Amino acid sequence: MFYCLFLMVFLGFLCLCLVRKHVFLCLISLEFIIIYLLVIVFMYCLMYYSCMYMYILMMTFFVCEGALGLGLMILFVRCHSNDYLNSMMLW
């Protein structure tokens, strides 16, 4: 089960590396990675009977990260009128 979850995280990283055209697609692949990392932490908490405080703390950070990413994307679209990563001149 864990191998399948780690494979999904790896595929998310691969998707993040290959899809480099739009900011929105990069954010979607980051959220894909984060959802599977959250599932891995949840399975770990269930398996070892540990408390769910770490799970709730990580969920809070991941929600804040998603909201920050969407806010930055909206700011970027308002400033540059598109969501292409090439218009940022990062490379």
C-alpha atoms as a PDB file:
ATOM      1  CA  MET A   1       0.000   0.000   0.000  1.00  0.00           C
ATOM      2  CA  PHE A   2       2.769   2.416   0.927  1.00  0.00           C
ATOM      3  CA  TYR A   3       4.666   1.615  -2.268  1.00  0.00           C
ATOM      4  CA  CYS A   4       1.646   2.634  -4.304  1.00  0.00           C
ATOM      5  CA  LEU A   5       1.367   5.911  -2.363  1.00  0.00           C
ATOM      6  CA  PHE A   6       5.074   6.660  -2.784  1.00  0.00           C
ATOM      7  CA  LEU A   7       4.707   5.897  -6.485  1.00  0.00           C
ATOM      8  CA  MET A   8       1.896   8.453  -6.701  1.00  0.00           C
ATOM      9  CA  VAL A   9       4.080  11.062  -4.954  1.00  0.00           C
ATOM     10  CA  PHE A  10       6.890  10.301  -7.406  1.00  0.00           C
ATOM     11  CA  LEU A  11       4.485  10.657 -10.335  1.00  0.00           C
ATOM     12  CA  GLY A  12       3.391  13.995  -8.920  1.00  0.00           C
ATOM     13  CA  PHE A  13       7.010  15.178  -8.845  1.00  0.00           C
ATOM     14  CA  LEU A  14       7.486  13.901 -12.380  1.00  0.00           C
ATOM     15  CA  CYS A  15       4.386  15.773 -13.509  1.00  0.00           C
ATOM     16  CA  LEU A  16       5.666  18.914 -11.783  1.00  0.00           C
ATOM     17  CA  CYS A  17       8.976  18.644 -13.628  1.00  0.00           C
ATOM     18  CA  LEU A  18       7.444  17.931 -17.038  1.00  0.00           C
ATOM     19  CA  VAL A  19       4.531  20.377 -17.040  1.00  0.00           C
ATOM     20  CA  ARG A  20       6.236  23.755 -17.051  1.00  0.00           C
ATOM     21  CA  LYS A  21       3.899  25.897 -19.128  1.00  0.00           C
ATOM     22  CA  HIS A  22       1.172  27.241 -16.845  1.00  0.00           C
ATOM     23  CA  VAL A  23       1.296  28.271 -13.192  1.00  0.00           C
ATOM     24  CA  PHE A  24      -2.094  26.649 -12.597  1.00  0.00           C
ATOM     25  CA  LEU A  25      -0.890  23.247 -13.810  1.00  0.00           C
ATOM     26  CA  CYS A  26       2.127  23.455 -11.498  1.00  0.00           C
ATOM     27  CA  LEU A  27      -0.164  24.280  -8.567  1.00  0.00           C
ATOM     28  CA  ILE A  28      -2.429  21.341  -9.409  1.00  0.00           C
ATOM     29  CA  SER A  29       0.531  18.938  -9.472  1.00  0.00           C
ATOM     30  CA  LEU A  30       1.755  20.351  -6.134  1.00  0.00           C
ATOM     31  CA  GLU A  31      -1.672  19.763  -4.612  1.00  0.00           C
ATOM     32  CA  PHE A  32      -1.617  16.221  -6.014  1.00  0.00           C
ATOM     33  CA  ILE A  33       1.660  15.598  -4.190  1.00  0.00           C
ATOM     34  CA  ILE A  34       0.357  17.131  -0.977  1.00  0.00           C
ATOM     35  CA  ILE A  35      -2.830  15.050  -0.970  1.00  0.00           C
ATOM     36  CA  TYR A  36      -0.848  11.840  -1.234  1.00  0.00           C
ATOM     37  CA  LEU A  37       1.605  12.969   1.451  1.00  0.00           C
ATOM     38  CA  LEU A  38      -1.370  13.637   3.697  1.00  0.00           C
ATOM     39  CA  VAL A  39      -2.712  10.140   2.983  1.00  0.00           C
ATOM     40  CA  ILE A  40       0.694   8.660   3.875  1.00  0.00           C
ATOM     41  CA  VAL A  41       0.720  10.525   7.201  1.00  0.00           C
ATOM     42  CA  PHE A  42      -2.859   9.404   7.901  1.00  0.00           C
ATOM     43  CA  MET A  43      -1.976   5.761   7.207  1.00  0.00           C
ATOM     44  CA  TYR A  44       1.079   6.079   9.453  1.00  0.00           C
ATOM     45  CA  CYS A  45      -1.058   7.500  12.272  1.00  0.00           C
ATOM     46  CA  LEU A  46      -3.565   4.671  11.898  1.00  0.00           C
ATOM     47  CA  MET A  47      -0.902   1.984  11.724  1.00  0.00           C
ATOM     48  CA  TYR A  48       1.038   2.989  14.814  1.00  0.00           C
ATOM     49  CA  TYR A  49      -1.899   4.266  16.882  1.00  0.00           C
ATOM     50  CA  SER A  50      -0.334   7.659  17.274  1.00  0.00           C
ATOM     51  CA  CYS A  51      -2.343  10.771  17.887  1.00  0.00           C
ATOM     52  CA  MET A  52      -3.902  12.668  15.035  1.00  0.00           C
ATOM     53  CA  TYR A  53      -2.509  16.052  16.109  1.00  0.00           C
ATOM     54  CA  MET A  54       0.295  15.829  13.577  1.00  0.00           C
ATOM     55  CA  TYR A  55      -2.214  14.975  10.857  1.00  0.00           C
ATOM     56  CA  ILE A  56      -4.406  17.979  11.705  1.00  0.00           C
ATOM     57  CA  LEU A  57      -1.351  20.257  11.927  1.00  0.00           C
ATOM     58  CA  MET A  58      -0.116  19.132   8.508  1.00  0.00           C
ATOM     59  CA  MET A  59      -3.596  19.528   7.041  1.00  0.00           C
ATOM     60  CA  THR A  60      -3.689  23.106   8.327  1.00  0.00           C
ATOM     61  CA  PHE A  61      -0.320  23.921   6.759  1.00  0.00           C
ATOM     62  CA  PHE A  62      -1.357  22.334   3.461  1.00  0.00           C
ATOM     63  CA  VAL A  63      -4.576  24.356   3.323  1.00  0.00           C
ATOM     64  CA  CYS A  64      -2.604  27.546   4.006  1.00  0.00           C
ATOM     65  CA  GLU A  65      -0.144  26.585   1.272  1.00  0.00           C
ATOM     66  CA  GLY A  66      -2.957  26.040  -1.219  1.00  0.00           C
ATOM     67  CA  ALA A  67      -4.589  29.368  -0.396  1.00  0.00           C
ATOM     68  CA  LEU A  68      -1.244  31.171  -0.674  1.00  0.00           C
ATOM     69  CA  GLY A  69      -0.552  29.533  -4.045  1.00  0.00           C
ATOM     70  CA  LEU A  70      -3.939  30.537  -5.437  1.00  0.00           C
ATOM     71  CA  GLY A  71      -3.528  34.069  -4.127  1.00  0.00           C
ATOM     72  CA  LEU A  72      -0.107  34.393  -5.767  1.00  0.00           C
ATOM     73  CA  MET A  73      -1.470  32.984  -9.009  1.00  0.00           C
ATOM     74  CA  ILE A  74      -4.300  35.553  -9.034  1.00  0.00           C
ATOM     75  CA  LEU A  75      -1.789  38.332  -8.357  1.00  0.00           C
ATOM     76  CA  PHE A  76       0.451  37.035 -11.143  1.00  0.00           C
ATOM     77  CA  VAL A  77      -2.440  36.879 -13.627  1.00  0.00           C
ATOM     78  CA  ARG A  78      -3.511  40.421 -12.741  1.00  0.00           C
ATOM     79  CA  CYS A  79       0.017  41.773 -13.199  1.00  0.00           C
ATOM     80  CA  HIS A  80       1.041  39.861 -16.350  1.00  0.00           C
ATOM     81  CA  SER A  81      -2.425  39.077 -17.863  1.00  0.00           C
ATOM     82  CA  ASN A  82      -1.551  35.406 -18.317  1.00  0.00           C
ATOM     83  CA  ASP A  83      -0.404  32.439 -16.269  1.00  0.00           C
ATOM     84  CA  TYR A  84       2.554  31.321 -18.363  1.00  0.00           C
ATOM     85  CA  LEU A  85       5.695  30.537 -16.449  1.00  0.00           C
ATOM     86  CA  ASN A  86       7.788  31.856 -19.346  1.00  0.00           C
ATOM     87  CA  SER A  87       6.520  35.389 -18.749  1.00  0.00           C
ATOM     88  CA  MET A  88       8.147  35.350 -15.305  1.00  0.00           C
ATOM     89  CA  MET A  89      11.614  35.141 -16.941  1.00  0.00           C
ATOM     90  CA  LEU A  90      12.880  32.563 -14.437  1.00  0.00           C
ATOM     91  CA  TRP A  91      14.999  30.754 -17.013  1.00  0.00           C
END
